[in-house]
Structure formats: C-alpha cells, structure tokens
Amino acid sequence: MTEERAGRGVGQLAAEEFDFMAAVGGVRGLVESIAPGLVFVVVFLITRELLPALVASSALAVLAVVVRLVQRTPLTQAFSGMLGVAISVVWAWQTGEAANFFQWGLWVNAAYLVGTVLSILVRWPLVGAIVALIRGEWEGWRSSPMYRRYVMATWLWAGLFAARLAVQVPLLLDDAVGWLGTAKLLMGVPLFAVVIWLTWLMVREPEELREPASAGSPPGTPPH
C-alpha cells in the first residue's frame, strides 16, 4: 500500500507537506516504538522484579511482528524494534540491572553522534547524502547551493544525539530506572519528530531551485 511505502520516517524530507504522524511511522509505528520501553518501566516499577518486566517488554515486541505477519504489512519497523528490544533484554538479563535495558540505545546514539560529526568533518554531511538519495539527485549535491543547509541540519542531529547522552547517561549511572525510562520516552519519538520537522524546514529547496526554468521560457521548453 502507498501509505506504507511513501513518506515514512526520513522519507518525509522529500515530502511537499510535512506529516508528523508519517514521520514516526503512523499510529502503529508510534505504538511499536514506545510500548516495549514504557511497559518495561511500568512493570518494573510495580513489581521491582526484572524478569516480569523483561518478559512483558519482549512479548509486546514479538506481538507487533506477529500482527504484521498476519496482516501481511511491512515488517521493517516492527522487526527492527524487536531486534532492539531483544538486545536490551539480553543485556539487562546478563547484568541483572534493570537500567541496562536502556544501555544499548545509548550506545546506538553514541555511534550516531560520532557518525554525524565525522560526516561533517569529511565534508559528506549525512543529512545531505540522505536527502540526495531520497530525491534521486546524487550527482552534484555537495556543490549545490543547499550544501550549507545540509551541514547545519546534520549538526542539528548531532545535537539531538549529544543531548540524549548528556541527559540519560547520568541517569543510567545512578540506576534511576524510572527517570531514565521517562527521559528515553520523551527524548525518543517526540524529539525525533521535532528534529526531523526542523530538518525538513532546513532542506526544503527554494522555489527557484525547484523550478530553474526562466519565467520567459515558452511552455514545453526544457530547463537549462
């Protein structure tokens, strides 16, 4: 189905009009992203037992994949979510520390932070590369008038990853499971949606770049 394929996630960067729900994968994608972590925190805070929280979180992640299999809808988001939950569950189970359920996500954010900063330093800003691929305009994007915007947008994402680490790592070290889970939820999908919207505003091509033909050109004349 078209609504499942087009305009989801970073695909919104090529959209004419920004759609917040499409950016986070729709209602189902939002639930699949938030529910396992939320349930883990709630069950752990109620029971103060690690095992029930891990089981509940795992069950939700598996259920999301099963439902998509039954309905024959794309599995990418649910499967990637299940994989992330599985890694988090194993990490927490092996260490016996509930806070470590969130440690894998912090490592991922650290990797993203390093990757975005490096992409800027080597003059291949990650946002620019993604936008060029989505729009099918790979040739010459690094020399386009949009290049500086791509750099600024990539710094914006680096700031997001750095902010998550700055807030959540101290909570992890303090073993503050409740606060850590709350911070992860608030700085997860909601903040992602805001940052991708700001990115969309920054990388939208000006009208004169999207329609390069001169005003005086007769209809049907190809742009130079």
C-alpha atoms as a PDB file:
ATOM      1  CA  MET A   1       0.000   0.000   0.000  1.00  0.00           C
ATOM      2  CA  THR A   2       1.200   3.505  -0.798  1.00  0.00           C
ATOM      3  CA  GLU A   3       0.727   4.808   2.715  1.00  0.00           C
ATOM      4  CA  GLU A   4       3.031   2.077   3.988  1.00  0.00           C
ATOM      5  CA  ARG A   5       5.778   2.806   1.457  1.00  0.00           C
ATOM      6  CA  ALA A   6       5.979   6.522   0.862  1.00  0.00           C
ATOM      7  CA  GLY A   7       6.848   9.370   3.128  1.00  0.00           C
ATOM      8  CA  ARG A   8       7.639   7.351   6.250  1.00  0.00           C
ATOM      9  CA  GLY A   9      10.467   8.355   8.569  1.00  0.00           C
ATOM     10  CA  VAL A  10      13.247  10.216   6.790  1.00  0.00           C
ATOM     11  CA  GLY A  11      11.213   9.876   3.598  1.00  0.00           C
ATOM     12  CA  GLN A  12       9.344  12.942   4.863  1.00  0.00           C
ATOM     13  CA  LEU A  13      12.387  15.033   3.952  1.00  0.00           C
ATOM     14  CA  ALA A  14      11.288  14.807   0.323  1.00  0.00           C
ATOM     15  CA  ALA A  15       7.610  15.498   1.037  1.00  0.00           C
ATOM     16  CA  GLU A  16       5.834  18.612  -0.225  1.00  0.00           C
ATOM     17  CA  GLU A  17       3.981  18.952   3.090  1.00  0.00           C
ATOM     18  CA  PHE A  18       5.326  17.633   6.377  1.00  0.00           C
ATOM     19  CA  ASP A  19       3.265  14.980   8.178  1.00  0.00           C
ATOM     20  CA  PHE A  20       4.271  14.336  11.790  1.00  0.00           C
ATOM     21  CA  MET A  21       2.466  11.005  12.001  1.00  0.00           C
ATOM     22  CA  ALA A  22       4.048   9.759   8.789  1.00  0.00           C
ATOM     23  CA  ALA A  23       7.456  10.822  10.124  1.00  0.00           C
ATOM     24  CA  VAL A  24       7.092   8.486  13.113  1.00  0.00           C
ATOM     25  CA  GLY A  25       5.626   5.629  11.067  1.00  0.00           C
ATOM     26  CA  GLY A  26       1.959   6.353  11.682  1.00  0.00           C
ATOM     27  CA  VAL A  27      -0.045   5.424  14.770  1.00  0.00           C
ATOM     28  CA  ARG A  28       1.101   1.812  14.602  1.00  0.00           C
ATOM     29  CA  GLY A  29       4.747   2.802  14.257  1.00  0.00           C
ATOM     30  CA  LEU A  30       4.386   5.177  17.204  1.00  0.00           C
ATOM     31  CA  VAL A  31       2.912   2.442  19.392  1.00  0.00           C
ATOM     32  CA  GLU A  32       5.512  -0.119  18.304  1.00  0.00           C
ATOM     33  CA  SER A  33       8.312   2.320  19.147  1.00  0.00           C
ATOM     34  CA  ILE A  34       7.038   3.410  22.546  1.00  0.00           C
ATOM     35  CA  ALA A  35       5.165   0.446  24.016  1.00  0.00           C
ATOM     36  CA  PRO A  36       8.011  -2.025  24.849  1.00  0.00           C
ATOM     37  CA  GLY A  37      10.065   0.531  26.792  1.00  0.00           C
ATOM     38  CA  LEU A  38       7.019   2.012  28.508  1.00  0.00           C
ATOM     39  CA  VAL A  39       5.728  -1.389  29.587  1.00  0.00           C
ATOM     40  CA  PHE A  40       9.181  -2.387  30.828  1.00  0.00           C
ATOM     41  CA  VAL A  41       9.375   0.675  33.111  1.00  0.00           C
ATOM     42  CA  VAL A  42       5.798   0.356  34.384  1.00  0.00           C
ATOM     43  CA  VAL A  43       6.056  -3.365  35.162  1.00  0.00           C
ATOM     44  CA  PHE A  44       9.457  -2.973  36.815  1.00  0.00           C
ATOM     45  CA  LEU A  45       8.317  -0.069  38.996  1.00  0.00           C
ATOM     46  CA  ILE A  46       5.231  -2.008  40.071  1.00  0.00           C
ATOM     47  CA  THR A  47       6.889  -5.363  40.749  1.00  0.00           C
ATOM     48  CA  ARG A  48      10.500  -4.296  41.416  1.00  0.00           C
ATOM     49  CA  GLU A  49      11.384  -7.523  39.649  1.00  0.00           C
ATOM     50  CA  LEU A  50      13.467  -7.647  36.477  1.00  0.00           C
ATOM     51  CA  LEU A  51      12.108 -10.852  34.951  1.00  0.00           C
ATOM     52  CA  PRO A  52       8.408  -9.821  34.645  1.00  0.00           C
ATOM     53  CA  ALA A  53       9.441  -6.515  33.087  1.00  0.00           C
ATOM     54  CA  LEU A  54      11.684  -8.241  30.534  1.00  0.00           C
ATOM     55  CA  VAL A  55       9.004 -10.796  29.658  1.00  0.00           C
ATOM     56  CA  ALA A  56       6.309  -8.146  29.215  1.00  0.00           C
ATOM     57  CA  SER A  57       8.527  -5.984  27.006  1.00  0.00           C
ATOM     58  CA  SER A  58       9.639  -8.946  24.887  1.00  0.00           C
ATOM     59  CA  ALA A  59       6.082 -10.180  24.467  1.00  0.00           C
ATOM     60  CA  LEU A  60       4.937  -6.820  23.103  1.00  0.00           C
ATOM     61  CA  ALA A  61       7.791  -6.643  20.611  1.00  0.00           C
ATOM     62  CA  VAL A  62       7.080 -10.167  19.352  1.00  0.00           C
ATOM     63  CA  LEU A  63       3.336  -9.459  19.208  1.00  0.00           C
ATOM     64  CA  ALA A  64       3.959  -6.441  16.950  1.00  0.00           C
ATOM     65  CA  VAL A  65       5.813  -8.648  14.452  1.00  0.00           C
ATOM     66  CA  VAL A  66       3.196 -11.414  14.609  1.00  0.00           C
ATOM     67  CA  VAL A  67       0.347  -8.974  13.969  1.00  0.00           C
ATOM     68  CA  ARG A  68       2.162  -7.572  10.938  1.00  0.00           C
ATOM     69  CA  LEU A  69       2.802 -11.092   9.637  1.00  0.00           C
ATOM     70  CA  VAL A  70      -0.872 -11.964   9.967  1.00  0.00           C
ATOM     71  CA  GLN A  71      -1.949  -8.734   8.290  1.00  0.00           C
ATOM     72  CA  ARG A  72       0.814  -9.017   5.661  1.00  0.00           C
ATOM     73  CA  THR A  73       2.038  -5.479   6.242  1.00  0.00           C
ATOM     74  CA  PRO A  74       5.719  -4.358   6.025  1.00  0.00           C
ATOM     75  CA  LEU A  75       7.830  -5.782   8.843  1.00  0.00           C
ATOM     76  CA  THR A  76      10.804  -3.422   8.797  1.00  0.00           C
ATOM     77  CA  GLN A  77       9.865  -1.148  11.709  1.00  0.00           C
ATOM     78  CA  ALA A  78       8.404  -3.879  13.920  1.00  0.00           C
ATOM     79  CA  PHE A  79      11.293  -6.271  13.240  1.00  0.00           C
ATOM     80  CA  SER A  80      13.950  -3.635  13.926  1.00  0.00           C
ATOM     81  CA  GLY A  81      12.090  -2.760  17.126  1.00  0.00           C
ATOM     82  CA  MET A  82      12.018  -6.410  18.175  1.00  0.00           C
ATOM     83  CA  LEU A  83      15.745  -6.732  17.494  1.00  0.00           C
ATOM     84  CA  GLY A  84      16.476  -3.668  19.630  1.00  0.00           C
ATOM     85  CA  VAL A  85      14.306  -4.982  22.448  1.00  0.00           C
ATOM     86  CA  ALA A  86      15.976  -8.409  22.233  1.00  0.00           C
ATOM     87  CA  ILE A  87      19.439  -6.868  22.610  1.00  0.00           C
ATOM     88  CA  SER A  88      18.233  -4.726  25.518  1.00  0.00           C
ATOM     89  CA  VAL A  89      16.617  -7.714  27.232  1.00  0.00           C
ATOM     90  CA  VAL A  90      19.744  -9.850  26.934  1.00  0.00           C
ATOM     91  CA  TRP A  91      21.930  -7.000  28.204  1.00  0.00           C
ATOM     92  CA  ALA A  92      19.730  -6.381  31.242  1.00  0.00           C
ATOM     93  CA  TRP A  93      19.308 -10.090  31.977  1.00  0.00           C
ATOM     94  CA  GLN A  94      23.026 -10.851  31.862  1.00  0.00           C
ATOM     95  CA  THR A  95      23.944  -7.939  34.125  1.00  0.00           C
ATOM     96  CA  GLY A  96      20.919  -8.225  36.406  1.00  0.00           C
ATOM     97  CA  GLU A  97      20.491  -4.444  36.269  1.00  0.00           C
ATOM     98  CA  ALA A  98      17.186  -3.006  35.057  1.00  0.00           C
ATOM     99  CA  ALA A  99      18.805   0.267  33.972  1.00  0.00           C
ATOM    100  CA  ASN A 100      20.924  -1.657  31.472  1.00  0.00           C
ATOM    101  CA  PHE A 101      17.760  -2.323  29.462  1.00  0.00           C
ATOM    102  CA  PHE A 102      18.380   1.175  28.079  1.00  0.00           C
ATOM    103  CA  GLN A 103      22.140   0.887  27.635  1.00  0.00           C
ATOM    104  CA  TRP A 104      22.040  -0.442  24.074  1.00  0.00           C
ATOM    105  CA  GLY A 105      20.065   2.610  22.956  1.00  0.00           C
ATOM    106  CA  LEU A 106      22.716   4.880  24.425  1.00  0.00           C
ATOM    107  CA  TRP A 107      25.470   3.054  22.561  1.00  0.00           C
ATOM    108  CA  VAL A 108      23.464   3.473  19.352  1.00  0.00           C
ATOM    109  CA  ASN A 109      23.107   7.203  19.999  1.00  0.00           C
ATOM    110  CA  ALA A 110      26.841   7.473  20.673  1.00  0.00           C
ATOM    111  CA  ALA A 111      27.551   5.758  17.341  1.00  0.00           C
ATOM    112  CA  TYR A 112      25.137   8.102  15.547  1.00  0.00           C
ATOM    113  CA  LEU A 113      26.787  11.107  17.185  1.00  0.00           C
ATOM    114  CA  VAL A 114      30.237  10.035  16.031  1.00  0.00           C
ATOM    115  CA  GLY A 115      28.924   9.237  12.552  1.00  0.00           C
ATOM    116  CA  THR A 116      27.169  12.582  12.051  1.00  0.00           C
ATOM    117  CA  VAL A 117      30.132  14.608  13.280  1.00  0.00           C
ATOM    118  CA  LEU A 118      32.582  12.629  11.148  1.00  0.00           C
ATOM    119  CA  SER A 119      30.367  13.071   8.091  1.00  0.00           C
ATOM    120  CA  ILE A 120      30.595  16.845   8.538  1.00  0.00           C
ATOM    121  CA  LEU A 121      34.354  16.805   9.084  1.00  0.00           C
ATOM    122  CA  VAL A 122      34.947  14.824   5.874  1.00  0.00           C
ATOM    123  CA  ARG A 123      32.545  17.144   4.007  1.00  0.00           C
ATOM    124  CA  TRP A 124      29.912  14.488   3.363  1.00  0.00           C
ATOM    125  CA  PRO A 125      27.171  15.724   5.750  1.00  0.00           C
ATOM    126  CA  LEU A 126      24.884  12.793   6.440  1.00  0.00           C
ATOM    127  CA  VAL A 127      21.640  14.713   6.003  1.00  0.00           C
ATOM    128  CA  GLY A 128      22.731  15.861   2.550  1.00  0.00           C
ATOM    129  CA  ALA A 129      23.561  12.313   1.494  1.00  0.00           C
ATOM    130  CA  ILE A 130      20.190  11.039   2.721  1.00  0.00           C
ATOM    131  CA  VAL A 131      18.247  13.828   1.011  1.00  0.00           C
ATOM    132  CA  ALA A 132      20.159  13.308  -2.238  1.00  0.00           C
ATOM    133  CA  LEU A 133      19.357   9.592  -2.204  1.00  0.00           C
ATOM    134  CA  ILE A 134      15.679  10.134  -1.400  1.00  0.00           C
ATOM    135  CA  ARG A 135      15.262  12.728  -4.120  1.00  0.00           C
ATOM    136  CA  GLY A 136      17.331  10.815  -6.642  1.00  0.00           C
ATOM    137  CA  GLU A 137      19.659  13.782  -7.038  1.00  0.00           C
ATOM    138  CA  TRP A 138      23.004  12.286  -6.055  1.00  0.00           C
ATOM    139  CA  GLU A 139      25.075  13.986  -8.732  1.00  0.00           C
ATOM    140  CA  GLY A 140      26.451  17.309  -7.563  1.00  0.00           C
ATOM    141  CA  TRP A 141      24.636  17.611  -4.239  1.00  0.00           C
ATOM    142  CA  ARG A 142      27.878  18.506  -2.424  1.00  0.00           C
ATOM    143  CA  SER A 143      28.393  21.516  -4.682  1.00  0.00           C
ATOM    144  CA  SER A 144      24.760  22.648  -4.665  1.00  0.00           C
ATOM    145  CA  PRO A 145      23.559  25.894  -3.004  1.00  0.00           C
ATOM    146  CA  MET A 146      21.894  23.655  -0.385  1.00  0.00           C
ATOM    147  CA  TYR A 147      25.196  22.295   0.930  1.00  0.00           C
ATOM    148  CA  ARG A 148      25.444  24.677   3.900  1.00  0.00           C
ATOM    149  CA  ARG A 149      21.906  23.804   4.913  1.00  0.00           C
ATOM    150  CA  TYR A 150      22.807  20.117   4.827  1.00  0.00           C
ATOM    151  CA  VAL A 151      25.736  20.820   7.150  1.00  0.00           C
ATOM    152  CA  MET A 152      23.570  22.777   9.597  1.00  0.00           C
ATOM    153  CA  ALA A 153      20.886  20.080   9.544  1.00  0.00           C
ATOM    154  CA  THR A 154      23.488  17.400  10.258  1.00  0.00           C
ATOM    155  CA  TRP A 155      24.737  19.438  13.235  1.00  0.00           C
ATOM    156  CA  LEU A 156      21.139  19.532  14.434  1.00  0.00           C
ATOM    157  CA  TRP A 157      21.023  15.745  14.515  1.00  0.00           C
ATOM    158  CA  ALA A 158      24.396  15.588  16.241  1.00  0.00           C
ATOM    159  CA  GLY A 159      22.905  17.887  18.879  1.00  0.00           C
ATOM    160  CA  LEU A 160      19.966  15.517  19.349  1.00  0.00           C
ATOM    161  CA  PHE A 161      22.218  12.519  19.937  1.00  0.00           C
ATOM    162  CA  ALA A 162      24.501  14.520  22.250  1.00  0.00           C
ATOM    163  CA  ALA A 163      21.518  15.765  24.278  1.00  0.00           C
ATOM    164  CA  ARG A 164      20.197  12.244  24.750  1.00  0.00           C
ATOM    165  CA  LEU A 165      23.584  11.090  26.020  1.00  0.00           C
ATOM    166  CA  ALA A 166      24.040  14.120  28.285  1.00  0.00           C
ATOM    167  CA  VAL A 167      20.681  13.540  29.981  1.00  0.00           C
ATOM    168  CA  GLN A 168      20.430   9.758  30.022  1.00  0.00           C
ATOM    169  CA  VAL A 169      23.968   8.566  30.793  1.00  0.00           C
ATOM    170  CA  PRO A 170      23.982  10.148  34.304  1.00  0.00           C
ATOM    171  CA  LEU A 171      20.578   8.535  34.977  1.00  0.00           C
ATOM    172  CA  LEU A 172      21.967   5.190  33.851  1.00  0.00           C
ATOM    173  CA  LEU A 173      24.955   5.557  36.169  1.00  0.00           C
ATOM    174  CA  ASP A 174      22.611   6.469  39.043  1.00  0.00           C
ATOM    175  CA  ASP A 175      20.461   3.399  38.286  1.00  0.00           C
ATOM    176  CA  ALA A 176      17.409   5.686  38.140  1.00  0.00           C
ATOM    177  CA  VAL A 177      15.219   3.348  36.087  1.00  0.00           C
ATOM    178  CA  GLY A 178      12.019   5.384  36.328  1.00  0.00           C
ATOM    179  CA  TRP A 179      13.630   8.690  35.359  1.00  0.00           C
ATOM    180  CA  LEU A 180      15.758   7.009  32.705  1.00  0.00           C
ATOM    181  CA  GLY A 181      12.718   5.406  31.102  1.00  0.00           C
ATOM    182  CA  THR A 182      10.839   8.707  31.200  1.00  0.00           C
ATOM    183  CA  ALA A 183      13.746  10.581  29.627  1.00  0.00           C
ATOM    184  CA  LYS A 184      14.096   7.948  26.912  1.00  0.00           C
ATOM    185  CA  LEU A 185      10.409   8.185  26.046  1.00  0.00           C
ATOM    186  CA  LEU A 186      10.353  11.994  25.950  1.00  0.00           C
ATOM    187  CA  MET A 187      13.636  12.262  24.037  1.00  0.00           C
ATOM    188  CA  GLY A 188      12.758   9.397  21.739  1.00  0.00           C
ATOM    189  CA  VAL A 189       9.908   9.587  19.231  1.00  0.00           C
ATOM    190  CA  PRO A 190       8.595  13.057  20.237  1.00  0.00           C
ATOM    191  CA  LEU A 191      12.005  14.713  19.958  1.00  0.00           C
ATOM    192  CA  PHE A 192      12.796  12.744  16.808  1.00  0.00           C
ATOM    193  CA  ALA A 193       9.617  14.095  15.202  1.00  0.00           C
ATOM    194  CA  VAL A 194      10.512  17.679  16.114  1.00  0.00           C
ATOM    195  CA  VAL A 195      14.069  17.363  14.806  1.00  0.00           C
ATOM    196  CA  ILE A 196      13.024  15.745  11.538  1.00  0.00           C
ATOM    197  CA  TRP A 197      10.453  18.547  11.069  1.00  0.00           C
ATOM    198  CA  LEU A 198      13.157  21.186  11.655  1.00  0.00           C
ATOM    199  CA  THR A 199      15.371  19.286   9.216  1.00  0.00           C
ATOM    200  CA  TRP A 200      12.579  19.321   6.634  1.00  0.00           C
ATOM    201  CA  LEU A 201      12.283  23.097   7.036  1.00  0.00           C
ATOM    202  CA  MET A 202      16.033  23.488   6.549  1.00  0.00           C
ATOM    203  CA  VAL A 203      16.456  21.271   3.485  1.00  0.00           C
ATOM    204  CA  ARG A 204      13.384  22.254   1.516  1.00  0.00           C
ATOM    205  CA  GLU A 205      14.567  23.552  -1.817  1.00  0.00           C
ATOM    206  CA  PRO A 206      13.716  27.186  -2.565  1.00  0.00           C
ATOM    207  CA  GLU A 207      11.182  27.632  -5.360  1.00  0.00           C
ATOM    208  CA  GLU A 208      13.804  28.989  -7.746  1.00  0.00           C
ATOM    209  CA  LEU A 209      15.890  25.831  -7.347  1.00  0.00           C
ATOM    210  CA  ARG A 210      12.950  23.508  -7.829  1.00  0.00           C
ATOM    211  CA  GLU A 211      11.806  25.303 -10.972  1.00  0.00           C
ATOM    212  CA  PRO A 212      15.010  26.510 -12.638  1.00  0.00           C
ATOM    213  CA  ALA A 213      13.418  27.406 -15.965  1.00  0.00           C
ATOM    214  CA  SER A 214      13.269  31.133 -16.603  1.00  0.00           C
ATOM    215  CA  ALA A 215       9.910  32.852 -16.417  1.00  0.00           C
ATOM    216  CA  GLY A 216      10.166  33.847 -20.072  1.00  0.00           C
ATOM    217  CA  SER A 217      10.647  30.347 -21.428  1.00  0.00           C
ATOM    218  CA  PRO A 218       7.770  29.125 -23.593  1.00  0.00           C
ATOM    219  CA  PRO A 219       5.747  26.141 -22.360  1.00  0.00           C
ATOM    220  CA  GLY A 220       7.467  22.859 -23.021  1.00  0.00           C
ATOM    221  CA  THR A 221      10.962  24.359 -23.151  1.00  0.00           C
ATOM    222  CA  PRO A 222      13.291  22.099 -21.098  1.00  0.00           C
ATOM    223  CA  PRO A 223      15.192  23.814 -18.255  1.00  0.00           C
ATOM    224  CA  HIS A 224      18.847  24.670 -18.877  1.00  0.00           C
END
